[in-house]
C-alpha cells in the first residue's frame, strides 16, 4: 500500500490531487479480536498497551482525526505520505 500511495501521489500530483494513507495500530473496535487473533480481554488490552510508547491502544477517533487532518486545507502540501497512527510503536 505504501508504494501505491506514493506512486499515485507522483502520477496525479501535477493535476492537484493528493494521495495519502493511514496506517493504524490495532485499536479499540468491535473487530479487535478478529484482527489480533487473541481474545479481547481487559488483560490483553493492557498487555498490548504496554508495548506502545504512549501506553494506550488507539481509539477510532485517533484514526478519524488523522483522516480529517489529511483531508483538510492544513495538509494541502502533504501527499504520498503513509501516516502511522500508532502511538509511536513503529519507532520501537
N, C-alpha and C. Protein backbone atom coordinates (compact mmCIF):
# COMPACT_ATOMS: atom_id res chain seq x y z
N UNK A 1 0.81 -1.18 0.00
CA UNK A 1 0.00 0.00 0.00
C UNK A 1 0.87 1.26 0.00
N UNK A 2 2.00 1.21 0.67
CA UNK A 2 2.87 2.38 0.73
C UNK A 2 3.33 2.79 -0.67
N UNK A 3 3.72 1.83 -1.47
CA UNK A 3 4.19 2.14 -2.82
C UNK A 3 3.05 2.64 -3.70
N UNK A 4 1.86 2.09 -3.52
CA UNK A 4 0.71 2.55 -4.30
C UNK A 4 0.41 4.01 -3.96
N UNK A 5 0.40 4.33 -2.68
CA UNK A 5 0.14 5.70 -2.24
C UNK A 5 1.16 6.66 -2.86
N UNK A 6 2.42 6.30 -2.79
CA UNK A 6 3.46 7.17 -3.32
C UNK A 6 3.40 7.27 -4.84
N UNK A 7 3.11 6.16 -5.50
CA UNK A 7 3.00 6.17 -6.95
C UNK A 7 1.85 7.03 -7.44
N UNK A 8 0.70 6.90 -6.78
CA UNK A 8 -0.45 7.72 -7.16
C UNK A 8 -0.19 9.19 -6.90
N UNK A 9 0.48 9.49 -5.80
CA UNK A 9 0.82 10.88 -5.49
C UNK A 9 1.71 11.48 -6.57
N UNK A 10 2.69 10.71 -7.02
CA UNK A 10 3.60 11.19 -8.06
C UNK A 10 2.88 11.35 -9.40
N UNK A 11 2.02 10.38 -9.71
CA UNK A 11 1.34 10.41 -11.01
C UNK A 11 0.29 11.51 -11.11
N UNK A 12 -0.47 11.70 -10.06
CA UNK A 12 -1.59 12.64 -10.12
C UNK A 12 -1.32 13.97 -9.44
N UNK A 13 -0.16 14.13 -8.83
CA UNK A 13 0.19 15.41 -8.21
C UNK A 13 0.11 16.59 -9.17
N UNK A 14 0.60 16.45 -10.41
CA UNK A 14 0.53 17.57 -11.34
C UNK A 14 -0.90 18.05 -11.62
N UNK A 15 -1.88 17.20 -11.34
CA UNK A 15 -3.28 17.58 -11.52
C UNK A 15 -3.89 18.16 -10.24
N UNK A 16 -3.06 18.29 -9.21
CA UNK A 16 -3.53 18.85 -7.95
C UNK A 16 -4.19 17.86 -7.03
N UNK A 17 -4.06 16.57 -7.34
CA UNK A 17 -4.66 15.55 -6.49
C UNK A 17 -3.64 15.04 -5.49
N UNK A 18 -4.11 14.78 -4.28
CA UNK A 18 -3.24 14.28 -3.22
C UNK A 18 -3.67 12.88 -2.83
N UNK A 19 -2.69 12.04 -2.54
CA UNK A 19 -2.93 10.67 -2.09
C UNK A 19 -2.10 10.41 -0.85
N UNK A 20 -2.76 10.00 0.21
CA UNK A 20 -2.09 9.64 1.46
C UNK A 20 -2.76 8.39 2.00
N UNK A 21 -2.08 7.68 2.86
CA UNK A 21 -2.70 6.53 3.52
C UNK A 21 -2.49 6.65 5.02
N UNK A 22 -3.37 6.03 5.75
CA UNK A 22 -3.29 6.00 7.20
C UNK A 22 -2.98 4.57 7.61
N UNK A 23 -1.98 4.41 8.46
CA UNK A 23 -1.52 3.10 8.90
C UNK A 23 -1.80 2.97 10.40
N UNK A 24 -3.00 2.51 10.75
CA UNK A 24 -3.35 2.46 12.17
C UNK A 24 -2.81 1.22 12.87
N UNK A 25 -2.64 1.37 14.16
CA UNK A 25 -2.33 0.26 15.04
C UNK A 25 -3.65 -0.38 15.44
N UNK A 26 -3.62 -1.65 15.82
CA UNK A 26 -4.88 -2.23 16.27
C UNK A 26 -5.41 -1.42 17.43
N UNK A 27 -6.72 -1.24 17.42
CA UNK A 27 -7.31 -0.36 18.42
C UNK A 27 -8.60 -0.90 18.98
N UNK A 28 -9.23 -0.07 19.75
CA UNK A 28 -10.45 -0.44 20.46
C UNK A 28 -11.65 -0.37 19.51
N UNK A 29 -11.89 -1.47 18.82
CA UNK A 29 -13.06 -1.57 17.95
C UNK A 29 -13.68 -2.95 18.14
N UNK A 30 -14.85 -3.14 17.57
CA UNK A 30 -15.51 -4.43 17.65
C UNK A 30 -14.79 -5.52 16.87
N UNK A 31 -13.83 -5.14 16.05
CA UNK A 31 -13.09 -6.10 15.23
C UNK A 31 -11.75 -6.49 15.84
N UNK A 32 -11.47 -6.02 17.03
CA UNK A 32 -10.15 -6.23 17.64
C UNK A 32 -9.77 -7.70 17.71
N UNK A 33 -10.65 -8.53 18.21
CA UNK A 33 -10.33 -9.95 18.37
C UNK A 33 -10.09 -10.62 17.01
N UNK A 34 -10.91 -10.27 16.02
CA UNK A 34 -10.76 -10.88 14.70
C UNK A 34 -9.41 -10.53 14.07
N UNK A 35 -8.99 -9.27 14.20
CA UNK A 35 -7.74 -8.85 13.57
C UNK A 35 -6.50 -9.22 14.37
N UNK A 36 -6.62 -9.29 15.69
CA UNK A 36 -5.44 -9.57 16.50
C UNK A 36 -5.21 -11.06 16.71
N UNK A 37 -6.26 -11.86 16.60
CA UNK A 37 -6.11 -13.30 16.77
C UNK A 37 -5.98 -13.74 18.22
N UNK A 38 -6.22 -12.83 19.15
CA UNK A 38 -6.19 -13.17 20.58
C UNK A 38 -7.50 -12.69 21.20
N UNK A 39 -7.90 -13.32 22.30
CA UNK A 39 -9.15 -12.89 22.94
C UNK A 39 -9.11 -11.42 23.35
N UNK A 40 -10.22 -10.74 23.19
CA UNK A 40 -10.32 -9.33 23.57
C UNK A 40 -10.73 -9.25 25.04
N UNK A 41 -9.73 -9.21 25.89
CA UNK A 41 -9.96 -9.12 27.33
C UNK A 41 -9.28 -7.86 27.87
N UNK A 42 -9.71 -7.37 29.02
CA UNK A 42 -9.02 -6.21 29.60
C UNK A 42 -7.53 -6.47 29.84
N UNK A 43 -7.20 -7.69 30.22
CA UNK A 43 -5.79 -8.03 30.45
C UNK A 43 -4.98 -7.98 29.15
N UNK A 44 -5.54 -8.50 28.07
CA UNK A 44 -4.85 -8.48 26.78
C UNK A 44 -4.70 -7.04 26.28
N UNK A 45 -5.72 -6.24 26.45
CA UNK A 45 -5.63 -4.83 26.04
C UNK A 45 -4.51 -4.12 26.80
N UNK A 46 -4.43 -4.36 28.10
CA UNK A 46 -3.40 -3.72 28.92
C UNK A 46 -2.01 -4.22 28.53
N UNK A 47 -1.88 -5.52 28.28
CA UNK A 47 -0.60 -6.08 27.85
C UNK A 47 -0.15 -5.42 26.56
N UNK A 48 -1.05 -5.31 25.60
CA UNK A 48 -0.71 -4.70 24.33
C UNK A 48 -0.38 -3.21 24.51
N UNK A 49 -1.16 -2.52 25.31
CA UNK A 49 -0.93 -1.09 25.53
C UNK A 49 0.47 -0.84 26.08
N UNK A 50 0.99 -1.75 26.86
CA UNK A 50 2.34 -1.59 27.42
C UNK A 50 3.43 -1.69 26.36
N UNK A 51 3.09 -2.21 25.18
CA UNK A 51 4.07 -2.29 24.08
C UNK A 51 4.06 -1.03 23.22
N UNK A 52 3.18 -0.10 23.53
CA UNK A 52 3.04 1.14 22.78
C UNK A 52 3.68 2.27 23.60
N UNK A 53 4.57 3.07 23.01
CA UNK A 53 5.20 4.13 23.78
C UNK A 53 4.23 5.07 24.51
N UNK A 54 3.07 5.35 23.92
CA UNK A 54 2.10 6.21 24.60
C UNK A 54 1.25 5.44 25.61
N UNK A 55 1.51 4.16 25.75
CA UNK A 55 0.90 3.29 26.77
C UNK A 55 -0.63 3.23 26.72
N UNK A 56 -1.15 3.25 25.50
CA UNK A 56 -2.58 3.03 25.33
C UNK A 56 -2.85 2.50 23.94
N UNK A 57 -4.03 1.95 23.76
CA UNK A 57 -4.45 1.50 22.44
C UNK A 57 -5.09 2.68 21.72
N UNK A 58 -5.15 2.58 20.42
CA UNK A 58 -5.78 3.65 19.66
C UNK A 58 -7.29 3.58 19.81
N UNK A 59 -7.89 4.73 19.69
CA UNK A 59 -9.34 4.87 19.67
C UNK A 59 -9.74 5.15 18.23
N UNK A 60 -10.96 4.82 17.84
CA UNK A 60 -11.40 5.17 16.49
C UNK A 60 -11.23 6.65 16.17
N UNK A 61 -11.39 7.51 17.17
CA UNK A 61 -11.23 8.94 16.93
C UNK A 61 -9.79 9.32 16.58
N UNK A 62 -8.81 8.55 17.04
CA UNK A 62 -7.42 8.83 16.68
C UNK A 62 -7.23 8.70 15.17
N UNK A 63 -7.79 7.65 14.60
CA UNK A 63 -7.68 7.42 13.16
C UNK A 63 -8.53 8.44 12.40
N UNK A 64 -9.73 8.70 12.90
CA UNK A 64 -10.61 9.68 12.26
C UNK A 64 -9.96 11.06 12.23
N UNK A 65 -9.33 11.45 13.33
CA UNK A 65 -8.67 12.77 13.38
C UNK A 65 -7.54 12.86 12.37
N UNK A 66 -6.80 11.78 12.19
CA UNK A 66 -5.74 11.77 11.18
C UNK A 66 -6.32 11.94 9.78
N UNK A 67 -7.44 11.26 9.52
CA UNK A 67 -8.09 11.37 8.21
C UNK A 67 -8.60 12.78 7.96
N UNK A 68 -9.22 13.37 8.97
CA UNK A 68 -9.73 14.74 8.83
C UNK A 68 -8.58 15.70 8.55
N UNK A 69 -7.48 15.53 9.26
CA UNK A 69 -6.31 16.40 9.03
C UNK A 69 -5.80 16.24 7.60
N UNK A 70 -5.59 15.01 7.15
CA UNK A 70 -5.05 14.80 5.81
C UNK A 70 -5.98 15.33 4.72
N UNK A 71 -7.27 15.36 4.99
CA UNK A 71 -8.24 15.87 4.01
C UNK A 71 -8.41 17.38 4.09
N UNK A 72 -7.82 18.00 5.09
CA UNK A 72 -8.03 19.44 5.33
C UNK A 72 -7.08 20.31 4.51
N UNK A 73 -7.40 21.60 4.48
CA UNK A 73 -6.53 22.57 3.82
C UNK A 73 -5.18 22.69 4.53
N UNK A 74 -5.15 22.39 5.83
CA UNK A 74 -3.89 22.45 6.58
C UNK A 74 -2.87 21.44 6.04
N UNK A 75 -3.33 20.41 5.37
CA UNK A 75 -2.44 19.39 4.81
C UNK A 75 -2.34 19.51 3.28
N UNK A 76 -2.57 20.71 2.77
CA UNK A 76 -2.63 20.89 1.31
C UNK A 76 -1.30 20.62 0.60
N UNK A 77 -0.20 20.59 1.32
CA UNK A 77 1.11 20.32 0.70
C UNK A 77 1.64 18.96 1.12
N UNK A 78 0.75 18.11 1.60
CA UNK A 78 1.14 16.76 2.02
C UNK A 78 0.53 15.76 1.05
N UNK A 79 1.39 14.99 0.41
CA UNK A 79 0.92 13.93 -0.49
C UNK A 79 1.98 12.84 -0.54
N UNK A 80 1.54 11.62 -0.79
CA UNK A 80 2.46 10.49 -0.85
C UNK A 80 2.91 10.01 0.52
N UNK A 81 2.17 10.37 1.56
CA UNK A 81 2.54 10.05 2.93
C UNK A 81 1.76 8.84 3.43
N UNK A 82 2.46 7.96 4.10
CA UNK A 82 1.84 6.82 4.79
C UNK A 82 1.94 7.14 6.28
N UNK A 83 0.87 7.67 6.84
CA UNK A 83 0.89 8.22 8.19
C UNK A 83 0.61 7.16 9.24
N UNK A 84 1.60 6.81 10.05
CA UNK A 84 1.35 5.86 11.13
C UNK A 84 0.53 6.54 12.24
N UNK A 85 -0.54 5.91 12.63
CA UNK A 85 -1.33 6.35 13.78
C UNK A 85 -1.20 5.21 14.78
N UNK A 86 -0.06 5.20 15.47
CA UNK A 86 0.32 4.01 16.24
C UNK A 86 0.90 4.30 17.62
N UNK A 87 0.74 5.53 18.09
CA UNK A 87 1.23 5.85 19.43
C UNK A 87 2.74 5.72 19.57
N UNK A 88 3.46 5.75 18.46
CA UNK A 88 4.91 5.65 18.50
C UNK A 88 5.46 4.23 18.40
N UNK A 89 4.59 3.25 18.19
CA UNK A 89 5.05 1.86 18.19
C UNK A 89 6.02 1.56 17.06
N UNK A 90 5.84 2.20 15.92
CA UNK A 90 6.76 1.98 14.80
C UNK A 90 8.18 2.42 15.15
N UNK A 91 8.30 3.33 16.08
CA UNK A 91 9.61 3.86 16.47
C UNK A 91 10.41 2.91 17.34
N UNK A 92 9.76 1.90 17.92
CA UNK A 92 10.49 0.99 18.81
C UNK A 92 10.73 -0.36 18.18
